[in-house]
PDB file of N, CA and C in Angstrom:
ATOM      1  N   UNK A   1       0.137 -16.488 -32.731  1.00  0.00           N
ATOM      2  CA  UNK A   1       0.403 -15.488 -33.759  1.00  0.00           C
ATOM      3  C   UNK A   1      -0.927 -14.920 -34.240  1.00  0.00           C
ATOM      4  N   UNK A   2      -0.903 -13.685 -34.688  1.00  0.00           N
ATOM      5  CA  UNK A   2      -2.112 -13.012 -35.153  1.00  0.00           C
ATOM      6  C   UNK A   2      -2.586 -13.618 -36.470  1.00  0.00           C
ATOM      7  N   UNK A   3      -3.890 -13.860 -36.543  1.00  0.00           N
ATOM      8  CA  UNK A   3      -4.460 -14.450 -37.749  1.00  0.00           C
ATOM      9  C   UNK A   3      -5.296 -13.454 -38.546  1.00  0.00           C
ATOM     10  N   UNK A   4      -5.956 -12.530 -37.865  1.00  0.00           N
ATOM     11  CA  UNK A   4      -6.802 -11.554 -38.558  1.00  0.00           C
ATOM     12  C   UNK A   4      -5.970 -10.382 -39.032  1.00  0.00           C
ATOM     13  N   UNK A   5      -6.454  -9.747 -40.098  1.00  0.00           N
ATOM     14  CA  UNK A   5      -5.751  -8.607 -40.660  1.00  0.00           C
ATOM     15  C   UNK A   5      -5.601  -7.493 -39.616  1.00  0.00           C
ATOM     16  N   UNK A   6      -6.661  -7.268 -38.858  1.00  0.00           N
ATOM     17  CA  UNK A   6      -6.634  -6.203 -37.842  1.00  0.00           C
ATOM     18  C   UNK A   6      -5.660  -6.539 -36.710  1.00  0.00           C
ATOM     19  N   UNK A   7      -5.560  -7.822 -36.374  1.00  0.00           N
ATOM     20  CA  UNK A   7      -4.640  -8.249 -35.313  1.00  0.00           C
ATOM     21  C   UNK A   7      -3.186  -8.104 -35.769  1.00  0.00           C
ATOM     22  N   UNK A   8      -2.935  -8.374 -37.055  1.00  0.00           N
ATOM     23  CA  UNK A   8      -1.591  -8.217 -37.605  1.00  0.00           C
ATOM     24  C   UNK A   8      -1.194  -6.746 -37.566  1.00  0.00           C
ATOM     25  N   UNK A   9      -2.138  -5.874 -37.960  1.00  0.00           N
ATOM     26  CA  UNK A   9      -1.866  -4.434 -37.928  1.00  0.00           C
ATOM     27  C   UNK A   9      -1.617  -3.977 -36.497  1.00  0.00           C
ATOM     28  N   UNK A  10      -2.415  -4.448 -35.581  1.00  0.00           N
ATOM     29  CA  UNK A  10      -2.280  -4.071 -34.171  1.00  0.00           C
ATOM     30  C   UNK A  10      -0.918  -4.496 -33.627  1.00  0.00           C
ATOM     31  N   UNK A  11      -0.457  -5.694 -34.033  1.00  0.00           N
ATOM     32  CA  UNK A  11       0.869  -6.181 -33.638  1.00  0.00           C
ATOM     33  C   UNK A  11       1.970  -5.249 -34.125  1.00  0.00           C
ATOM     34  N   UNK A  12       1.882  -4.851 -35.403  1.00  0.00           N
ATOM     35  CA  UNK A  12       2.882  -3.952 -35.978  1.00  0.00           C
ATOM     36  C   UNK A  12       2.893  -2.620 -35.236  1.00  0.00           C
ATOM     37  N   UNK A  13       1.706  -2.083 -34.971  1.00  0.00           N
ATOM     38  CA  UNK A  13       1.603  -0.799 -34.276  1.00  0.00           C
ATOM     39  C   UNK A  13       2.224  -0.891 -32.876  1.00  0.00           C
ATOM     40  N   UNK A  14       1.948  -1.996 -32.188  1.00  0.00           N
ATOM     41  CA  UNK A  14       2.486  -2.176 -30.841  1.00  0.00           C
ATOM     42  C   UNK A  14       4.007  -2.241 -30.854  1.00  0.00           C
ATOM     43  N   UNK A  15       4.580  -2.914 -31.838  1.00  0.00           N
ATOM     44  CA  UNK A  15       6.043  -3.017 -31.933  1.00  0.00           C
ATOM     45  C   UNK A  15       6.673  -1.649 -32.188  1.00  0.00           C
ATOM     46  N   UNK A  16       6.068  -0.884 -33.084  1.00  0.00           N
ATOM     47  CA  UNK A  16       6.594   0.449 -33.406  1.00  0.00           C
ATOM     48  C   UNK A  16       6.493   1.361 -32.192  1.00  0.00           C
ATOM     49  N   UNK A  17       5.346   1.342 -31.535  1.00  0.00           N
ATOM     50  CA  UNK A  17       5.151   2.202 -30.365  1.00  0.00           C
ATOM     51  C   UNK A  17       6.058   1.789 -29.214  1.00  0.00           C
ATOM     52  N   UNK A  18       6.253   0.490 -29.042  1.00  0.00           N
ATOM     53  CA  UNK A  18       7.141   0.004 -27.985  1.00  0.00           C
ATOM     54  C   UNK A  18       8.568   0.478 -28.217  1.00  0.00           C
ATOM     55  N   UNK A  19       9.018   0.418 -29.468  1.00  0.00           N
ATOM     56  CA  UNK A  19      10.375   0.862 -29.800  1.00  0.00           C
ATOM     57  C   UNK A  19      10.518   2.360 -29.546  1.00  0.00           C
ATOM     58  N   UNK A  20       9.513   3.133 -29.929  1.00  0.00           N
ATOM     59  CA  UNK A  20       9.556   4.581 -29.737  1.00  0.00           C
ATOM     60  C   UNK A  20       9.574   4.914 -28.254  1.00  0.00           C
ATOM     61  N   UNK A  21       8.679   4.285 -27.486  1.00  0.00           N
ATOM     62  CA  UNK A  21       8.607   4.555 -26.049  1.00  0.00           C
ATOM     63  C   UNK A  21       9.899   4.159 -25.343  1.00  0.00           C
ATOM     64  N   UNK A  22      10.489   3.037 -25.746  1.00  0.00           N
ATOM     65  CA  UNK A  22      11.734   2.574 -25.148  1.00  0.00           C
ATOM     66  C   UNK A  22      12.848   3.581 -25.396  1.00  0.00           C
ATOM     67  N   UNK A  23      12.932   4.095 -26.616  1.00  0.00           N
ATOM     68  CA  UNK A  23      13.951   5.085 -26.948  1.00  0.00           C
ATOM     69  C   UNK A  23      13.771   6.357 -26.124  1.00  0.00           C
ATOM     70  N   UNK A  24      12.546   6.849 -26.042  1.00  0.00           N
ATOM     71  CA  UNK A  24      12.272   8.080 -25.298  1.00  0.00           C
ATOM     72  C   UNK A  24      12.594   7.891 -23.823  1.00  0.00           C
ATOM     73  N   UNK A  25      12.166   6.785 -23.239  1.00  0.00           N
ATOM     74  CA  UNK A  25      12.405   6.519 -21.816  1.00  0.00           C
ATOM     75  C   UNK A  25      13.896   6.381 -21.530  1.00  0.00           C
ATOM     76  N   UNK A  26      14.616   5.684 -22.414  1.00  0.00           N
ATOM     77  CA  UNK A  26      16.046   5.480 -22.250  1.00  0.00           C
ATOM     78  C   UNK A  26      16.803   6.810 -22.310  1.00  0.00           C
ATOM     79  N   UNK A  27      16.446   7.657 -23.257  1.00  0.00           N
ATOM     80  CA  UNK A  27      17.084   8.965 -23.388  1.00  0.00           C
ATOM     81  C   UNK A  27      16.831   9.815 -22.155  1.00  0.00           C
ATOM     82  N   UNK A  28      15.604   9.767 -21.638  1.00  0.00           N
ATOM     83  CA  UNK A  28      15.258  10.518 -20.437  1.00  0.00           C
ATOM     84  C   UNK A  28      16.107  10.045 -19.255  1.00  0.00           C
ATOM     85  N   UNK A  29      16.258   8.740 -19.109  1.00  0.00           N
ATOM     86  CA  UNK A  29      17.048   8.193 -18.006  1.00  0.00           C
ATOM     87  C   UNK A  29      18.514   8.603 -18.121  1.00  0.00           C
ATOM     88  N   UNK A  30      19.030   8.661 -19.339  1.00  0.00           N
ATOM     89  CA  UNK A  30      20.411   9.085 -19.551  1.00  0.00           C
ATOM     90  C   UNK A  30      20.587  10.540 -19.126  1.00  0.00           C
ATOM     91  N   UNK A  31      19.634  11.394 -19.478  1.00  0.00           N
ATOM     92  CA  UNK A  31      19.706  12.801 -19.102  1.00  0.00           C
ATOM     93  C   UNK A  31      19.658  12.964 -17.581  1.00  0.00           C
ATOM     94  N   UNK A  32      18.817  12.166 -16.929  1.00  0.00           N
ATOM     95  CA  UNK A  32      18.722  12.208 -15.467  1.00  0.00           C
ATOM     96  C   UNK A  32      20.041  11.732 -14.852  1.00  0.00           C
ATOM     97  N   UNK A  33      20.627  10.686 -15.432  1.00  0.00           N
ATOM     98  CA  UNK A  33      21.893  10.158 -14.935  1.00  0.00           C
ATOM     99  C   UNK A  33      22.998  11.206 -15.042  1.00  0.00           C
ATOM    100  N   UNK A  34      22.992  11.994 -16.132  1.00  0.00           N
ATOM    101  CA  UNK A  34      23.997  13.037 -16.311  1.00  0.00           C
ATOM    102  C   UNK A  34      23.898  14.079 -15.198  1.00  0.00           C
ATOM    103  N   UNK A  35      22.678  14.418 -14.796  1.00  0.00           N
ATOM    104  CA  UNK A  35      22.484  15.381 -13.705  1.00  0.00           C
ATOM    105  C   UNK A  35      23.035  14.800 -12.412  1.00  0.00           C
ATOM    106  N   UNK A  36      22.687  13.560 -12.124  1.00  0.00           N
ATOM    107  CA  UNK A  36      23.127  12.936 -10.875  1.00  0.00           C
ATOM    108  C   UNK A  36      24.654  12.788 -10.822  1.00  0.00           C
ATOM    109  N   UNK A  37      25.280  12.477 -11.952  1.00  0.00           N
ATOM    110  CA  UNK A  37      26.735  12.353 -11.984  1.00  0.00           C
ATOM    111  C   UNK A  37      27.401  13.704 -11.744  1.00  0.00           C
ATOM    112  N   UNK A  38      26.865  14.766 -12.356  1.00  0.00           N
ATOM    113  CA  UNK A  38      27.420  16.106 -12.150  1.00  0.00           C
ATOM    114  C   UNK A  38      27.234  16.533 -10.700  1.00  0.00           C
ATOM    115  N   UNK A  39      26.091  16.170 -10.112  1.00  0.00           N
ATOM    116  CA  UNK A  39      25.832  16.513  -8.710  1.00  0.00           C
ATOM    117  C   UNK A  39      26.771  15.737  -7.786  1.00  0.00           C
ATOM    118  N   UNK A  40      27.037  14.484  -8.109  1.00  0.00           N
ATOM    119  CA  UNK A  40      27.940  13.670  -7.300  1.00  0.00           C
ATOM    120  C   UNK A  40      29.356  14.232  -7.342  1.00  0.00           C
ATOM    121  N   UNK A  41      29.739  14.797  -8.491  1.00  0.00           N
ATOM    122  CA  UNK A  41      31.058  15.409  -8.641  1.00  0.00           C
ATOM    123  C   UNK A  41      31.058  16.837  -8.096  1.00  0.00           C
ATOM    124  N   UNK A  42      29.916  17.296  -7.638  1.00  0.00           N
ATOM    125  CA  UNK A  42      29.706  18.651  -7.097  1.00  0.00           C
ATOM    126  C   UNK A  42      30.098  19.729  -8.102  1.00  0.00           C
ATOM    127  N   UNK A  43      29.754  19.485  -9.366  1.00  0.00           N
ATOM    128  CA  UNK A  43      29.973  20.455 -10.437  1.00  0.00           C
ATOM    129  C   UNK A  43      28.646  21.147 -10.712  1.00  0.00           C
ATOM    130  N   UNK A  44      28.425  22.281 -10.055  1.00  0.00           N
ATOM    131  CA  UNK A  44      27.116  22.947 -10.114  1.00  0.00           C
ATOM    132  C   UNK A  44      26.792  23.437 -11.525  1.00  0.00           C
ATOM    133  N   UNK A  45      27.781  23.982 -12.236  1.00  0.00           N
ATOM    134  CA  UNK A  45      27.529  24.507 -13.582  1.00  0.00           C
ATOM    135  C   UNK A  45      27.103  23.391 -14.539  1.00  0.00           C
ATOM    136  N   UNK A  46      27.788  22.270 -14.476  1.00  0.00           N
ATOM    137  CA  UNK A  46      27.439  21.138 -15.345  1.00  0.00           C
ATOM    138  C   UNK A  46      26.068  20.579 -14.968  1.00  0.00           C
ATOM    139  N   UNK A  47      25.786  20.537 -13.673  1.00  0.00           N
ATOM    140  CA  UNK A  47      24.493  20.026 -13.212  1.00  0.00           C
ATOM    141  C   UNK A  47      23.354  20.924 -13.679  1.00  0.00           C
ATOM    142  N   UNK A  48      23.566  22.240 -13.608  1.00  0.00           N
ATOM    143  CA  UNK A  48      22.524  23.179 -14.053  1.00  0.00           C
ATOM    144  C   UNK A  48      22.309  23.073 -15.556  1.00  0.00           C
ATOM    145  N   UNK A  49      23.393  22.923 -16.303  1.00  0.00           N
ATOM    146  CA  UNK A  49      23.283  22.774 -17.759  1.00  0.00           C
ATOM    147  C   UNK A  49      22.531  21.490 -18.101  1.00  0.00           C
ATOM    148  N   UNK A  50      22.860  20.412 -17.400  1.00  0.00           N
ATOM    149  CA  UNK A  50      22.192  19.130 -17.646  1.00  0.00           C
ATOM    150  C   UNK A  50      20.718  19.209 -17.262  1.00  0.00           C
ATOM    151  N   UNK A  51      20.428  19.927 -16.177  1.00  0.00           N
ATOM    152  CA  UNK A  51      19.031  20.081 -15.734  1.00  0.00           C
ATOM    153  C   UNK A  51      18.226  20.872 -16.755  1.00  0.00           C
ATOM    154  N   UNK A  52      18.833  21.937 -17.298  1.00  0.00           N
ATOM    155  CA  UNK A  52      18.155  22.760 -18.309  1.00  0.00           C
ATOM    156  C   UNK A  52      17.832  21.944 -19.557  1.00  0.00           C
ATOM    157  N   UNK A  53      18.664  20.949 -19.840  1.00  0.00           N
ATOM    158  CA  UNK A  53      18.445  20.074 -20.992  1.00  0.00           C
ATOM    159  C   UNK A  53      17.374  19.012 -20.673  1.00  0.00           C
ATOM    160  N   UNK A  54      17.373  18.536 -19.429  1.00  0.00           N
ATOM    161  CA  UNK A  54      16.500  17.421 -19.063  1.00  0.00           C
ATOM    162  C   UNK A  54      15.053  17.834 -18.829  1.00  0.00           C
ATOM    163  N   UNK A  55      14.821  19.011 -18.245  1.00  0.00           N
ATOM    164  CA  UNK A  55      13.452  19.408 -17.883  1.00  0.00           C
ATOM    165  C   UNK A  55      12.505  19.397 -19.082  1.00  0.00           C
ATOM    166  N   UNK A  56      12.862  20.055 -20.204  1.00  0.00           N
ATOM    167  CA  UNK A  56      11.929  20.004 -21.347  1.00  0.00           C
ATOM    168  C   UNK A  56      11.733  18.586 -21.885  1.00  0.00           C
ATOM    169  N   UNK A  57      12.784  17.767 -21.820  1.00  0.00           N
ATOM    170  CA  UNK A  57      12.669  16.399 -22.333  1.00  0.00           C
ATOM    171  C   UNK A  57      11.748  15.561 -21.447  1.00  0.00           C
ATOM    172  N   UNK A  58      11.845  15.756 -20.137  1.00  0.00           N
ATOM    173  CA  UNK A  58      10.962  15.028 -19.215  1.00  0.00           C
ATOM    174  C   UNK A  58       9.516  15.451 -19.452  1.00  0.00           C
ATOM    175  N   UNK A  59       9.288  16.752 -19.639  1.00  0.00           N
ATOM    176  CA  UNK A  59       7.936  17.248 -19.931  1.00  0.00           C
ATOM    177  C   UNK A  59       7.403  16.645 -21.231  1.00  0.00           C
ATOM    178  N   UNK A  60       8.270  16.580 -22.240  1.00  0.00           N
ATOM    179  CA  UNK A  60       7.875  16.016 -23.534  1.00  0.00           C
ATOM    180  C   UNK A  60       7.538  14.532 -23.402  1.00  0.00           C
ATOM    181  N   UNK A  61       8.312  13.837 -22.566  1.00  0.00           N
ATOM    182  CA  UNK A  61       8.079  12.407 -22.335  1.00  0.00           C
ATOM    183  C   UNK A  61       6.690  12.201 -21.726  1.00  0.00           C
ATOM    184  N   UNK A  62       6.327  13.066 -20.782  1.00  0.00           N
ATOM    185  CA  UNK A  62       5.008  12.963 -20.158  1.00  0.00           C
ATOM    186  C   UNK A  62       3.903  13.321 -21.159  1.00  0.00           C
ATOM    187  N   UNK A  63       4.153  14.323 -21.985  1.00  0.00           N
ATOM    188  CA  UNK A  63       3.157  14.753 -22.967  1.00  0.00           C
ATOM    189  C   UNK A  63       2.859  13.643 -23.978  1.00  0.00           C
ATOM    190  N   UNK A  64       3.876  12.843 -24.286  1.00  0.00           N
ATOM    191  CA  UNK A  64       3.692  11.741 -25.230  1.00  0.00           C
ATOM    192  C   UNK A  64       3.056  10.518 -24.572  1.00  0.00           C
ATOM    193  N   UNK A  65       2.923  10.549 -23.242  1.00  0.00           N
ATOM    194  CA  UNK A  65       2.268   9.456 -22.542  1.00  0.00           C
ATOM    195  C   UNK A  65       3.202   8.313 -22.178  1.00  0.00           C
ATOM    196  N   UNK A  66       4.511   8.529 -22.303  1.00  0.00           N
ATOM    197  CA  UNK A  66       5.458   7.478 -21.965  1.00  0.00           C
ATOM    198  C   UNK A  66       5.527   7.322 -20.451  1.00  0.00           C
ATOM    199  N   UNK A  67       5.495   8.461 -19.737  1.00  0.00           N
ATOM    200  CA  UNK A  67       5.407   8.441 -18.277  1.00  0.00           C
ATOM    201  C   UNK A  67       4.227   9.306 -17.860  1.00  0.00           C
ATOM    202  N   UNK A  68       3.738   9.124 -16.654  1.00  0.00           N
ATOM    203  CA  UNK A  68       2.616   9.895 -16.139  1.00  0.00           C
ATOM    204  C   UNK A  68       3.064  11.313 -15.832  1.00  0.00           C
ATOM    205  N   UNK A  69       2.163  12.276 -15.953  1.00  0.00           N
ATOM    206  CA  UNK A  69       2.544  13.671 -15.737  1.00  0.00           C
ATOM    207  C   UNK A  69       2.966  13.931 -14.294  1.00  0.00           C
ATOM    208  N   UNK A  70       2.408  13.180 -13.346  1.00  0.00           N
ATOM    209  CA  UNK A  70       2.811  13.339 -11.947  1.00  0.00           C
ATOM    210  C   UNK A  70       4.226  12.807 -11.731  1.00  0.00           C
ATOM    211  N   UNK A  71       4.569  11.746 -12.431  1.00  0.00           N
ATOM    212  CA  UNK A  71       5.919  11.190 -12.357  1.00  0.00           C
ATOM    213  C   UNK A  71       6.917  12.205 -12.899  1.00  0.00           C
ATOM    214  N   UNK A  72       6.569  12.841 -14.011  1.00  0.00           N
ATOM    215  CA  UNK A  72       7.438  13.850 -14.606  1.00  0.00           C
ATOM    216  C   UNK A  72       7.629  15.014 -13.641  1.00  0.00           C
ATOM    217  N   UNK A  73       6.543  15.446 -13.048  1.00  0.00           N
ATOM    218  CA  UNK A  73       6.600  16.562 -12.101  1.00  0.00           C
ATOM    219  C   UNK A  73       7.475  16.212 -10.906  1.00  0.00           C
ATOM    220  N   UNK A  74       7.333  15.014 -10.395  1.00  0.00           N
ATOM    221  CA  UNK A  74       8.116  14.563  -9.244  1.00  0.00           C
ATOM    222  C   UNK A  74       9.605  14.494  -9.588  1.00  0.00           C
ATOM    223  N   UNK A  75       9.924  13.963 -10.777  1.00  0.00           N
ATOM    224  CA  UNK A  75      11.323  13.868 -11.202  1.00  0.00           C
ATOM    225  C   UNK A  75      11.949  15.262 -11.309  1.00  0.00           C
ATOM    226  N   UNK A  76      11.236  16.170 -11.958  1.00  0.00           N
ATOM    227  CA  UNK A  76      11.747  17.530 -12.141  1.00  0.00           C
ATOM    228  C   UNK A  76      11.965  18.199 -10.789  1.00  0.00           C
ATOM    229  N   UNK A  77      11.009  18.025  -9.893  1.00  0.00           N
ATOM    230  CA  UNK A  77      11.106  18.638  -8.567  1.00  0.00           C
ATOM    231  C   UNK A  77      12.318  18.118  -7.813  1.00  0.00           C
ATOM    232  N   UNK A  78      12.506  16.816  -7.806  1.00  0.00           N
ATOM    233  CA  UNK A  78      13.612  16.223  -7.053  1.00  0.00           C
ATOM    234  C   UNK A  78      14.967  16.582  -7.657  1.00  0.00           C
ATOM    235  N   UNK A  79      15.028  16.609  -8.980  1.00  0.00           N
ATOM    236  CA  UNK A  79      16.291  16.962  -9.622  1.00  0.00           C
ATOM    237  C   UNK A  79      16.629  18.434  -9.394  1.00  0.00           C
ATOM    238  N   UNK A  80      15.618  19.301  -9.455  1.00  0.00           N
ATOM    239  CA  UNK A  80      15.832  20.723  -9.195  1.00  0.00           C
ATOM    240  C   UNK A  80      16.323  20.934  -7.769  1.00  0.00           C
ATOM    241  N   UNK A  81      15.714  20.219  -6.839  1.00  0.00           N
ATOM    242  CA  UNK A  81      16.105  20.303  -5.426  1.00  0.00           C
ATOM    243  C   UNK A  81      17.551  19.847  -5.256  1.00  0.00           C
ATOM    244  N   UNK A  82      17.929  18.773  -5.964  1.00  0.00           N
ATOM    245  CA  UNK A  82      19.292  18.251  -5.883  1.00  0.00           C
ATOM    246  C   UNK A  82      20.299  19.289  -6.406  1.00  0.00           C
ATOM    247  N   UNK A  83      20.010  19.881  -7.540  1.00  0.00           N
ATOM    248  CA  UNK A  83      20.932  20.858  -8.150  1.00  0.00           C
ATOM    249  C   UNK A  83      21.012  22.110  -7.282  1.00  0.00           C
ATOM    250  N   UNK A  84      19.880  22.543  -6.740  1.00  0.00           N
ATOM    251  CA  UNK A  84      19.872  23.747  -5.904  1.00  0.00           C
ATOM    252  C   UNK A  84      20.602  23.537  -4.579  1.00  0.00           C
ATOM    253  N   UNK A  85      20.713  22.289  -4.150  1.00  0.00           N
ATOM    254  CA  UNK A  85      21.374  22.014  -2.880  1.00  0.00           C
ATOM    255  C   UNK A  85      22.895  22.046  -2.994  1.00  0.00           C
ATOM    256  N   UNK A  86      23.406  22.072  -4.240  1.00  0.00           N
ATOM    257  CA  UNK A  86      24.867  22.116  -4.425  1.00  0.00           C
ATOM    258  C   UNK A  86      25.398  23.486  -4.011  1.00  0.00           C
ATOM    259  N   UNK A  87      26.540  23.482  -3.359  1.00  0.00           N
ATOM    260  CA  UNK A  87      27.120  24.742  -2.847  1.00  0.00           C
ATOM    261  C   UNK A  87      27.714  25.567  -3.968  1.00  0.00           C
TER     262      UNK A  87
END
């Protein structure tokens, strides 16, 4: 357990940041899952709507440092390709 005042503060900060990052990452994964489910059902309109919602959120996730910017770019690219491939 932390004994110094600075270590106690650092512990608190880490817990708060971990909770925030977990929430952001979880929400991003849910948005991605919604796109994949719409694509699996071959519902192009729903998939496009879900993609329009997910792209800014994925970018925001990368901007906050929760995921790497290259990871965000790769996710957006693959999801866009998936939605565009629907007939």
